[in-house]
Amino acid sequence: MSAETVSAILLRRIRFSETSLILTWFGLETGKIKAIARGALRSGSAFAGKIDLFFRCDLTIFRSRKSEIHTLRELVVVEPFLSIRTNYLRTLTASYFTELVEEATELEHPEPEIFDLLRRGLNYLEREHPNLRAIVFFEAELARLLGMQMAKQTESSRQLIESLTRAPAARVALIKQLGE
């Protein structure tokens, strides 16, 4: 097994055992990948404080030959997007963006333009308060990158949501929050 370095954004973390996590990342060179972080939840772990949603990191992984779940060896946090966590609506919007990317992409299929869109979306949320226009823009851009572009952004957004096998639950809560 040889080590591979990947620049990626954390989409999801799931507890695997008392001390380990299964992480879903979206990488610039790899697309969506899964990796296990063994011992990540132990006190004094090298991963302590480095594995949080929306973090953009440089990962060192060992690819599995038998499974779609690789092994995370080390990581360096490049962009933690800390301001996103200071506001509920920013956090909800970032969750929606990552959930949308996770649902709309396939494992191990590089999509550098989608990685860039997600990174730009998180950068926007780091600086600005989210609004409906930004959400529709993100959805329409993702639809365009997936080959579903329509004449209007709102049509592209609708087409994207309808094409997913499971529409992200965060969207309903997000639209409700923005409407109030």
N, C-alpha and C. Protein backbone atom coordinates (compact mmCIF):
# COMPACT_ATOMS: atom_id res chain seq x y z
N MET A 1 0.84 -1.18 0.00
CA MET A 1 0.00 0.00 0.00
C MET A 1 0.88 1.24 0.00
N SER A 2 0.58 2.17 -0.90
CA SER A 2 1.35 3.41 -0.93
C SER A 2 0.48 4.58 -0.48
N ALA A 3 1.13 5.55 0.13
CA ALA A 3 0.42 6.72 0.64
C ALA A 3 0.09 7.66 -0.51
N GLU A 4 -1.04 8.34 -0.36
CA GLU A 4 -1.49 9.32 -1.35
C GLU A 4 -1.93 10.57 -0.59
N THR A 5 -1.53 11.74 -1.10
CA THR A 5 -1.94 13.00 -0.48
C THR A 5 -3.09 13.59 -1.29
N VAL A 6 -4.13 14.02 -0.58
CA VAL A 6 -5.36 14.51 -1.21
C VAL A 6 -5.78 15.80 -0.51
N SER A 7 -6.19 16.80 -1.29
CA SER A 7 -6.81 18.00 -0.73
C SER A 7 -8.32 17.76 -0.75
N ALA A 8 -8.99 17.83 0.42
CA ALA A 8 -10.40 17.45 0.48
C ALA A 8 -11.16 18.24 1.55
N ILE A 9 -12.48 18.28 1.38
CA ILE A 9 -13.39 18.92 2.32
C ILE A 9 -14.23 17.83 2.98
N LEU A 10 -14.36 17.90 4.31
CA LEU A 10 -15.11 16.88 5.04
C LEU A 10 -16.61 17.10 4.88
N LEU A 11 -17.30 16.10 4.32
CA LEU A 11 -18.74 16.16 4.10
C LEU A 11 -19.53 15.52 5.24
N ARG A 12 -19.01 14.40 5.78
CA ARG A 12 -19.78 13.64 6.77
C ARG A 12 -18.82 12.85 7.66
N ARG A 13 -19.22 12.69 8.92
CA ARG A 13 -18.47 11.83 9.85
C ARG A 13 -19.45 10.95 10.59
N ILE A 14 -19.13 9.66 10.62
CA ILE A 14 -20.00 8.67 11.25
C ILE A 14 -19.14 7.86 12.23
N ARG A 15 -19.66 7.66 13.41
CA ARG A 15 -18.95 6.86 14.41
C ARG A 15 -18.95 5.40 13.94
N PHE A 16 -17.76 4.80 13.89
CA PHE A 16 -17.62 3.41 13.47
C PHE A 16 -17.50 2.49 14.67
N SER A 17 -16.78 2.95 15.67
CA SER A 17 -16.58 2.18 16.90
C SER A 17 -16.38 3.16 18.05
N GLU A 18 -15.99 2.65 19.19
CA GLU A 18 -15.74 3.52 20.36
C GLU A 18 -14.70 4.59 20.06
N THR A 19 -13.75 4.25 19.19
CA THR A 19 -12.62 5.17 18.96
C THR A 19 -12.42 5.59 17.51
N SER A 20 -13.15 5.01 16.58
CA SER A 20 -12.90 5.27 15.16
C SER A 20 -14.09 5.93 14.46
N LEU A 21 -13.77 6.66 13.40
CA LEU A 21 -14.78 7.35 12.59
C LEU A 21 -14.65 6.94 11.14
N ILE A 22 -15.79 6.86 10.44
CA ILE A 22 -15.80 6.74 8.98
C ILE A 22 -16.08 8.15 8.47
N LEU A 23 -15.20 8.65 7.62
CA LEU A 23 -15.29 10.02 7.12
C LEU A 23 -15.55 10.02 5.62
N THR A 24 -16.45 10.88 5.18
CA THR A 24 -16.69 11.06 3.75
C THR A 24 -16.13 12.42 3.38
N TRP A 25 -15.21 12.41 2.44
CA TRP A 25 -14.51 13.61 1.99
C TRP A 25 -14.85 13.87 0.53
N PHE A 26 -14.71 15.11 0.10
CA PHE A 26 -14.79 15.42 -1.32
C PHE A 26 -13.46 16.05 -1.71
N GLY A 27 -12.69 15.30 -2.50
CA GLY A 27 -11.33 15.72 -2.83
C GLY A 27 -11.22 16.33 -4.21
N LEU A 28 -10.27 17.23 -4.33
CA LEU A 28 -10.01 17.90 -5.61
C LEU A 28 -9.64 16.88 -6.68
N GLU A 29 -8.74 15.96 -6.36
CA GLU A 29 -8.25 14.99 -7.34
C GLU A 29 -9.02 13.67 -7.31
N THR A 30 -9.81 13.44 -6.26
CA THR A 30 -10.42 12.12 -6.08
C THR A 30 -11.94 12.10 -6.17
N GLY A 31 -12.58 13.26 -6.03
CA GLY A 31 -14.03 13.27 -5.89
C GLY A 31 -14.39 12.79 -4.50
N LYS A 32 -15.54 12.16 -4.36
CA LYS A 32 -16.01 11.69 -3.06
C LYS A 32 -15.28 10.40 -2.67
N ILE A 33 -14.69 10.41 -1.49
CA ILE A 33 -14.00 9.22 -0.98
C ILE A 33 -14.38 9.01 0.49
N LYS A 34 -14.23 7.77 0.93
CA LYS A 34 -14.47 7.44 2.33
C LYS A 34 -13.17 6.93 2.93
N ALA A 35 -12.95 7.31 4.18
CA ALA A 35 -11.74 6.86 4.87
C ALA A 35 -12.07 6.61 6.34
N ILE A 36 -11.40 5.62 6.90
CA ILE A 36 -11.56 5.36 8.33
C ILE A 36 -10.41 6.05 9.07
N ALA A 37 -10.77 6.72 10.15
CA ALA A 37 -9.78 7.35 11.02
C ALA A 37 -9.75 6.52 12.31
N ARG A 38 -8.85 5.55 12.34
CA ARG A 38 -8.76 4.65 13.50
C ARG A 38 -8.17 5.41 14.70
N GLY A 39 -8.83 5.27 15.82
CA GLY A 39 -8.35 5.91 17.04
C GLY A 39 -8.61 7.40 17.12
N ALA A 40 -9.39 7.93 16.21
CA ALA A 40 -9.63 9.38 16.16
C ALA A 40 -10.30 9.92 17.42
N LEU A 41 -11.07 9.07 18.11
CA LEU A 41 -11.80 9.53 19.29
C LEU A 41 -11.08 9.24 20.61
N ARG A 42 -9.89 8.66 20.51
CA ARG A 42 -9.10 8.42 21.73
C ARG A 42 -8.52 9.74 22.23
N SER A 43 -8.41 9.85 23.54
CA SER A 43 -7.78 11.07 24.07
C SER A 43 -6.31 11.08 23.64
N GLY A 44 -5.85 12.23 23.24
CA GLY A 44 -4.47 12.35 22.78
C GLY A 44 -4.25 11.92 21.35
N SER A 45 -5.31 11.66 20.61
CA SER A 45 -5.19 11.23 19.21
C SER A 45 -4.56 12.33 18.36
N ALA A 46 -3.80 11.93 17.37
CA ALA A 46 -3.21 12.89 16.43
C ALA A 46 -4.29 13.61 15.63
N PHE A 47 -5.49 13.03 15.59
CA PHE A 47 -6.60 13.64 14.85
C PHE A 47 -7.43 14.61 15.69
N ALA A 48 -7.16 14.68 16.99
CA ALA A 48 -7.97 15.51 17.89
C ALA A 48 -8.05 16.95 17.40
N GLY A 49 -9.28 17.44 17.27
CA GLY A 49 -9.52 18.82 16.84
C GLY A 49 -9.33 19.08 15.36
N LYS A 50 -9.02 18.06 14.60
CA LYS A 50 -8.74 18.23 13.17
C LYS A 50 -9.82 17.67 12.27
N ILE A 51 -10.78 16.94 12.84
CA ILE A 51 -11.81 16.30 12.03
C ILE A 51 -13.15 16.93 12.37
N ASP A 52 -13.53 17.93 11.58
CA ASP A 52 -14.81 18.58 11.80
C ASP A 52 -15.42 18.90 10.44
N LEU A 53 -16.74 18.93 10.41
CA LEU A 53 -17.44 19.20 9.16
C LEU A 53 -16.97 20.51 8.54
N PHE A 54 -16.91 20.51 7.24
CA PHE A 54 -16.55 21.65 6.40
C PHE A 54 -15.05 21.95 6.38
N PHE A 55 -14.23 21.31 7.23
CA PHE A 55 -12.79 21.55 7.20
C PHE A 55 -12.24 21.15 5.84
N ARG A 56 -11.37 22.00 5.27
CA ARG A 56 -10.61 21.61 4.08
C ARG A 56 -9.23 21.23 4.58
N CYS A 57 -8.81 20.01 4.24
CA CYS A 57 -7.57 19.46 4.77
C CYS A 57 -6.73 18.84 3.66
N ASP A 58 -5.45 18.72 3.94
CA ASP A 58 -4.57 17.89 3.12
C ASP A 58 -4.45 16.56 3.86
N LEU A 59 -4.92 15.50 3.22
CA LEU A 59 -4.97 14.17 3.83
C LEU A 59 -3.87 13.28 3.29
N THR A 60 -3.40 12.39 4.13
CA THR A 60 -2.56 11.30 3.66
C THR A 60 -3.37 10.03 3.90
N ILE A 61 -3.69 9.34 2.81
CA ILE A 61 -4.50 8.12 2.92
C ILE A 61 -3.77 6.95 2.29
N PHE A 62 -4.11 5.78 2.77
CA PHE A 62 -3.69 4.53 2.14
C PHE A 62 -4.92 3.93 1.51
N ARG A 63 -4.88 3.72 0.21
CA ARG A 63 -6.03 3.17 -0.51
C ARG A 63 -6.19 1.69 -0.23
N SER A 64 -7.44 1.29 -0.02
CA SER A 64 -7.77 -0.11 0.20
C SER A 64 -7.93 -0.80 -1.16
N ARG A 65 -7.46 -2.03 -1.25
CA ARG A 65 -7.65 -2.80 -2.49
C ARG A 65 -8.96 -3.59 -2.45
N LYS A 66 -9.52 -3.77 -1.24
CA LYS A 66 -10.68 -4.64 -1.08
C LYS A 66 -11.97 -3.89 -0.78
N SER A 67 -11.88 -2.62 -0.44
CA SER A 67 -13.05 -1.89 0.03
C SER A 67 -13.05 -0.47 -0.51
N GLU A 68 -14.20 0.17 -0.43
CA GLU A 68 -14.30 1.58 -0.82
C GLU A 68 -13.88 2.50 0.32
N ILE A 69 -13.58 1.91 1.48
CA ILE A 69 -13.17 2.70 2.64
C ILE A 69 -11.65 2.58 2.80
N HIS A 70 -10.97 3.71 2.63
CA HIS A 70 -9.53 3.77 2.72
C HIS A 70 -9.12 4.08 4.16
N THR A 71 -7.82 4.14 4.42
CA THR A 71 -7.33 4.41 5.77
C THR A 71 -6.68 5.79 5.81
N LEU A 72 -7.16 6.62 6.73
CA LEU A 72 -6.60 7.95 6.93
C LEU A 72 -5.40 7.83 7.86
N ARG A 73 -4.25 8.30 7.41
CA ARG A 73 -3.03 8.22 8.21
C ARG A 73 -2.74 9.54 8.92
N GLU A 74 -2.86 10.64 8.20
CA GLU A 74 -2.64 11.95 8.82
C GLU A 74 -3.36 13.02 8.02
N LEU A 75 -3.52 14.17 8.67
CA LEU A 75 -4.15 15.29 7.97
C LEU A 75 -3.65 16.60 8.54
N VAL A 76 -3.68 17.61 7.67
CA VAL A 76 -3.33 18.97 8.04
C VAL A 76 -4.51 19.84 7.67
N VAL A 77 -5.04 20.58 8.65
CA VAL A 77 -6.17 21.48 8.38
C VAL A 77 -5.64 22.68 7.61
N VAL A 78 -6.23 22.94 6.43
CA VAL A 78 -5.84 24.06 5.59
C VAL A 78 -6.80 25.23 5.78
N GLU A 79 -8.09 24.96 5.73
CA GLU A 79 -9.12 25.98 5.94
C GLU A 79 -10.20 25.40 6.86
N PRO A 80 -10.31 25.90 8.08
CA PRO A 80 -11.33 25.35 8.99
C PRO A 80 -12.71 26.00 8.84
N PHE A 81 -12.80 27.12 8.13
CA PHE A 81 -14.08 27.83 7.95
C PHE A 81 -14.78 28.03 9.30
N LEU A 82 -14.07 28.57 10.26
CA LEU A 82 -14.58 28.71 11.62
C LEU A 82 -15.76 29.67 11.74
N SER A 83 -15.81 30.71 10.91
CA SER A 83 -16.91 31.69 11.01
C SER A 83 -18.26 31.07 10.68
N ILE A 84 -18.26 30.00 9.91
CA ILE A 84 -19.52 29.33 9.56
C ILE A 84 -20.22 28.84 10.83
N ARG A 85 -19.46 28.38 11.80
CA ARG A 85 -20.04 27.82 13.03
C ARG A 85 -20.57 28.88 14.00
N THR A 86 -20.34 30.16 13.70
CA THR A 86 -20.78 31.22 14.61
C THR A 86 -22.25 31.59 14.42
N ASN A 87 -22.87 31.04 13.38
CA ASN A 87 -24.25 31.42 13.06
C ASN A 87 -25.01 30.18 12.61
N TYR A 88 -26.19 29.97 13.18
CA TYR A 88 -27.00 28.79 12.85
C TYR A 88 -27.31 28.72 11.36
N LEU A 89 -27.71 29.83 10.74
CA LEU A 89 -28.10 29.82 9.34
C LEU A 89 -26.90 29.51 8.43
N ARG A 90 -25.74 30.02 8.78
CA ARG A 90 -24.53 29.69 8.00
C ARG A 90 -24.22 28.20 8.10
N THR A 91 -24.33 27.66 9.32
CA THR A 91 -24.07 26.24 9.52
C THR A 91 -25.08 25.38 8.77
N LEU A 92 -26.34 25.78 8.82
CA LEU A 92 -27.39 25.05 8.11
C LEU A 92 -27.15 25.08 6.60
N THR A 93 -26.75 26.24 6.07
CA THR A 93 -26.48 26.37 4.64
C THR A 93 -25.27 25.54 4.24
N ALA A 94 -24.21 25.58 5.02
CA ALA A 94 -23.02 24.77 4.73
C ALA A 94 -23.36 23.28 4.77
N SER A 95 -24.20 22.89 5.73
CA SER A 95 -24.65 21.49 5.80
C SER A 95 -25.42 21.11 4.55
N TYR A 96 -26.27 22.01 4.10
CA TYR A 96 -27.04 21.75 2.88
C TYR A 96 -26.12 21.60 1.68
N PHE A 97 -25.15 22.51 1.53
CA PHE A 97 -24.22 22.43 0.40
C PHE A 97 -23.47 21.10 0.41
N THR A 98 -22.95 20.69 1.57
CA THR A 98 -22.18 19.44 1.63
C THR A 98 -23.08 18.23 1.40
N GLU A 99 -24.29 18.28 1.94
CA GLU A 99 -25.23 17.17 1.74
C GLU A 99 -25.62 17.05 0.27
N LEU A 100 -25.81 18.18 -0.38
CA LEU A 100 -26.16 18.20 -1.80
C LEU A 100 -25.03 17.61 -2.64
N VAL A 101 -23.80 18.01 -2.37
CA VAL A 101 -22.65 17.48 -3.10
C VAL A 101 -22.51 15.98 -2.85
N GLU A 102 -22.69 15.56 -1.60
CA GLU A 102 -22.57 14.14 -1.29
C GLU A 102 -23.63 13.32 -2.03
N GLU A 103 -24.84 13.82 -2.07
CA GLU A 103 -25.94 13.09 -2.71
C GLU A 103 -25.82 13.09 -4.24
N ALA A 104 -25.27 14.15 -4.81
CA ALA A 104 -25.26 14.31 -6.27
C ALA A 104 -24.02 13.71 -6.95
N THR A 105 -23.05 13.24 -6.18
CA THR A 105 -21.81 12.73 -6.77
C THR A 105 -21.60 11.25 -6.45
N GLU A 106 -20.75 10.63 -7.26
CA GLU A 106 -20.44 9.21 -7.08
C GLU A 106 -19.09 9.06 -6.38
N LEU A 107 -18.91 7.94 -5.72
CA LEU A 107 -17.62 7.64 -5.08
C LEU A 107 -16.52 7.54 -6.12
N GLU A 108 -15.35 8.07 -5.74
CA GLU A 108 -14.12 7.90 -6.53
C GLU A 108 -14.23 8.44 -7.95
N HIS A 109 -15.04 9.47 -8.15
CA HIS A 109 -15.19 10.08 -9.47
C HIS A 109 -14.73 11.54 -9.37
N PRO A 110 -13.51 11.84 -9.83
CA PRO A 110 -13.00 13.20 -9.69
C PRO A 110 -13.89 14.25 -10.37
N GLU A 111 -14.19 15.29 -9.66
CA GLU A 111 -15.00 16.41 -10.16
C GLU A 111 -14.38 17.70 -9.63
N PRO A 112 -13.24 18.14 -10.21
CA PRO A 112 -12.56 19.33 -9.68
C PRO A 112 -13.42 20.59 -9.70
N GLU A 113 -14.30 20.72 -10.67
CA GLU A 113 -15.16 21.91 -10.71
C GLU A 113 -16.18 21.91 -9.57
N ILE A 114 -16.66 20.73 -9.20
CA ILE A 114 -17.60 20.64 -8.07
C ILE A 114 -16.85 20.91 -6.77
N PHE A 115 -15.62 20.42 -6.65
CA PHE A 115 -14.80 20.74 -5.48
C PHE A 115 -14.63 22.25 -5.36
N ASP A 116 -14.33 22.90 -6.48
CA ASP A 116 -14.14 24.35 -6.47
C ASP A 116 -15.44 25.07 -6.11
N LEU A 117 -16.57 24.60 -6.62
CA LEU A 117 -17.86 25.20 -6.27
C LEU A 117 -18.12 25.08 -4.77
N LEU A 118 -17.88 23.92 -4.20
CA LEU A 118 -18.09 23.72 -2.77
C LEU A 118 -17.15 24.62 -1.96
N ARG A 119 -15.90 24.69 -2.36
CA ARG A 119 -14.93 25.55 -1.66
C ARG A 119 -15.36 27.02 -1.74
N ARG A 120 -15.81 27.46 -2.92
CA ARG A 120 -16.28 28.85 -3.07
C ARG A 120 -17.54 29.09 -2.23
N GLY A 121 -18.43 28.10 -2.18
CA GLY A 121 -19.64 28.24 -1.36
C GLY A 121 -19.30 28.39 0.12
N LEU A 122 -18.35 27.59 0.59
CA LEU A 122 -17.94 27.69 2.00
C LEU A 122 -17.20 29.00 2.27
N ASN A 123 -16.39 29.45 1.31
CA ASN A 123 -15.72 30.75 1.45
C ASN A 123 -16.74 31.88 1.53
N TYR A 124 -17.79 31.80 0.72
CA TYR A 124 -18.86 32.80 0.75
C TYR A 124 -19.51 32.82 2.14
N LEU A 125 -19.84 31.65 2.66
CA LEU A 125 -20.48 31.57 3.97
C LEU A 125 -19.55 32.01 5.09
N GLU A 126 -18.27 31.92 4.87
CA GLU A 126 -17.29 32.39 5.86
C GLU A 126 -17.37 33.92 6.00
N ARG A 127 -17.72 34.61 4.91
CA ARG A 127 -17.73 36.07 4.90
C ARG A 127 -19.11 36.70 4.94
N GLU A 128 -20.11 36.02 4.37
CA GLU A 128 -21.43 36.62 4.16
C GLU A 128 -22.53 35.83 4.86
N HIS A 129 -23.63 36.52 5.10
CA HIS A 129 -24.83 35.87 5.63
C HIS A 129 -25.56 35.21 4.45
N PRO A 130 -26.00 33.96 4.57
CA PRO A 130 -26.65 33.29 3.44
C PRO A 130 -28.00 33.93 3.11
N ASN A 131 -28.37 33.79 1.83
CA ASN A 131 -29.68 34.24 1.37
C ASN A 131 -30.17 33.28 0.29
N LEU A 132 -31.43 33.41 -0.06
CA LEU A 132 -32.03 32.50 -1.04
C LEU A 132 -31.32 32.57 -2.38
N ARG A 133 -30.89 33.76 -2.78
CA ARG A 133 -30.20 33.91 -4.06
C ARG A 133 -28.91 33.08 -4.10
N ALA A 134 -28.16 33.08 -3.01
CA ALA A 134 -26.91 32.31 -2.95
C ALA A 134 -27.19 30.81 -3.03
N ILE A 135 -28.26 30.38 -2.39
CA ILE A 135 -28.61 28.95 -2.40
C ILE A 135 -29.03 28.51 -3.80
N VAL A 136 -29.86 29.32 -4.45
CA VAL A 136 -30.30 29.00 -5.82
C VAL A 136 -29.09 29.01 -6.75
N PHE A 137 -28.17 29.96 -6.56
CA PHE A 137 -26.96 30.00 -7.39
C PHE A 137 -26.15 28.72 -7.22
N PHE A 138 -25.94 28.28 -5.98
CA PHE A 138 -25.17 27.06 -5.72
C PHE A 138 -25.85 25.86 -6.39
N GLU A 139 -27.16 25.74 -6.21
CA GLU A 139 -27.90 24.63 -6.82
C GLU A 139 -27.80 24.66 -8.34
N ALA A 140 -27.96 25.85 -8.93
CA ALA A 140 -27.92 25.98 -10.39
C ALA A 140 -26.53 25.67 -10.93
N GLU A 141 -25.49 26.13 -10.23
CA GLU A 141 -24.13 25.82 -10.66
C GLU A 141 -23.84 24.33 -10.58
N LEU A 142 -24.29 23.70 -9.51
CA LEU A 142 -24.10 22.25 -9.37
C LEU A 142 -24.86 21.53 -10.49
N ALA A 143 -26.07 21.97 -10.77
CA ALA A 143 -26.85 21.37 -11.86
C ALA A 143 -26.12 21.52 -13.18
N ARG A 144 -25.55 22.70 -13.44
CA ARG A 144 -24.81 22.94 -14.68
C ARG A 144 -23.61 22.00 -14.78
N LEU A 145 -22.87 21.87 -13.68
CA LEU A 145 -21.69 21.00 -13.68
C LEU A 145 -22.04 19.53 -13.86
N LEU A 146 -23.27 19.18 -13.49
CA LEU A 146 -23.75 17.80 -13.66
C LEU A 146 -24.47 17.61 -14.99
N GLY A 147 -24.52 18.67 -15.82
CA GLY A 147 -25.14 18.58 -17.14
C GLY A 147 -26.64 18.76 -17.15
N MET A 148 -27.19 19.46 -16.16
CA MET A 148 -28.65 19.65 -16.07
C MET A 148 -29.03 21.13 -16.15
N GLN A 149 -28.28 21.91 -16.89
CA GLN A 149 -28.55 23.35 -16.94
C GLN A 149 -29.84 23.66 -17.68
N MET A 150 -30.64 24.53 -17.10
CA MET A 150 -31.90 24.98 -17.70
C MET A 150 -31.77 26.47 -18.02
N ALA A 151 -32.81 27.04 -18.63
CA ALA A 151 -32.79 28.45 -19.02
C ALA A 151 -32.69 29.38 -17.81
N LYS A 152 -33.40 29.06 -16.74
CA LYS A 152 -33.39 29.90 -15.54
C LYS A 152 -32.72 29.15 -14.40
N GLN A 153 -32.07 29.91 -13.51
CA GLN A 153 -31.43 29.29 -12.35
C GLN A 153 -32.43 28.51 -11.51
N THR A 154 -33.61 29.06 -11.31
CA THR A 154 -34.60 28.38 -10.47
C THR A 154 -35.04 27.06 -11.08
N GLU A 155 -35.11 27.01 -12.42
CA GLU A 155 -35.46 25.75 -13.10
C GLU A 155 -34.35 24.72 -12.91
N SER A 156 -33.08 25.18 -13.00
CA SER A 156 -31.95 24.28 -12.78
C SER A 156 -31.96 23.72 -11.37
N SER A 157 -32.28 24.59 -10.40
CA SER A 157 -32.35 24.15 -9.00
C SER A 157 -33.41 23.08 -8.83
N ARG A 158 -34.59 23.34 -9.38
CA ARG A 158 -35.70 22.38 -9.27
C ARG A 158 -35.33 21.06 -9.93
N GLN A 159 -34.73 21.13 -11.12
CA GLN A 159 -34.32 19.93 -11.86
C GLN A 159 -33.32 19.11 -11.04
N LEU A 160 -32.36 19.79 -10.42
CA LEU A 160 -31.36 19.11 -9.61
C LEU A 160 -32.01 18.39 -8.43
N ILE A 161 -32.85 19.08 -7.69
CA ILE A 161 -33.50 18.49 -6.51
C ILE A 161 -34.37 17.30 -6.91
N GLU A 162 -35.10 17.43 -8.02
CA GLU A 162 -35.96 16.33 -8.48
C GLU A 162 -35.15 15.12 -8.94
N SER A 163 -33.93 15.34 -9.45
CA SER A 163 -33.14 14.23 -9.97
C SER A 163 -32.46 13.41 -8.88
N LEU A 164 -32.33 13.97 -7.70
CA LEU A 164 -31.67 13.24 -6.61
C LEU A 164 -32.59 12.15 -6.09
N THR A 165 -31.99 11.04 -5.72
CA THR A 165 -32.79 9.95 -5.17
C THR A 165 -33.33 10.31 -3.79
N ARG A 166 -32.61 11.16 -3.10
CA ARG A 166 -33.04 11.61 -1.78
C ARG A 166 -32.67 13.08 -1.67
N ALA A 167 -33.68 13.94 -1.70
CA ALA A 167 -33.41 15.37 -1.57
C ALA A 167 -32.92 15.67 -0.16
N PRO A 168 -31.89 16.49 -0.04
CA PRO A 168 -31.36 16.81 1.29
C PRO A 168 -32.42 17.41 2.21
N ALA A 169 -32.53 16.85 3.40
CA ALA A 169 -33.52 17.31 4.37
C ALA A 169 -33.25 18.74 4.82
N ALA A 170 -32.00 19.15 4.77
CA ALA A 170 -31.64 20.50 5.21
C ALA A 170 -32.28 21.58 4.35
N ARG A 171 -32.64 21.25 3.12
CA ARG A 171 -33.19 22.26 2.22
C ARG A 171 -34.50 22.84 2.75
N VAL A 172 -35.39 22.00 3.23
CA VAL A 172 -36.69 22.46 3.74
C VAL A 172 -36.48 23.41 4.91
N ALA A 173 -35.63 23.00 5.86
CA ALA A 173 -35.36 23.84 7.03
C ALA A 173 -34.69 25.15 6.63
N LEU A 174 -33.79 25.08 5.66
CA LEU A 174 -33.07 26.26 5.21
C LEU A 174 -34.00 27.26 4.54
N ILE A 175 -34.85 26.79 3.63
CA ILE A 175 -35.79 27.68 2.94
C ILE A 175 -36.76 28.29 3.96
N LYS A 176 -37.18 27.49 4.92
CA LYS A 176 -38.09 28.00 5.96
C LYS A 176 -37.40 29.11 6.77
N GLN A 177 -36.16 28.90 7.15
CA GLN A 177 -35.41 29.90 7.92
C GLN A 177 -35.21 31.19 7.13
N LEU A 178 -34.91 31.07 5.84
CA LEU A 178 -34.68 32.25 5.01
C LEU A 178 -35.96 33.01 4.74
N GLY A 179 -37.09 32.29 4.78
CA GLY A 179 -38.39 32.91 4.52
C GLY A 179 -38.90 33.72 5.69
N GLU A 180 -38.38 33.44 6.88
CA GLU A 180 -38.88 34.13 8.08
C GLU A 180 -38.22 35.47 8.26
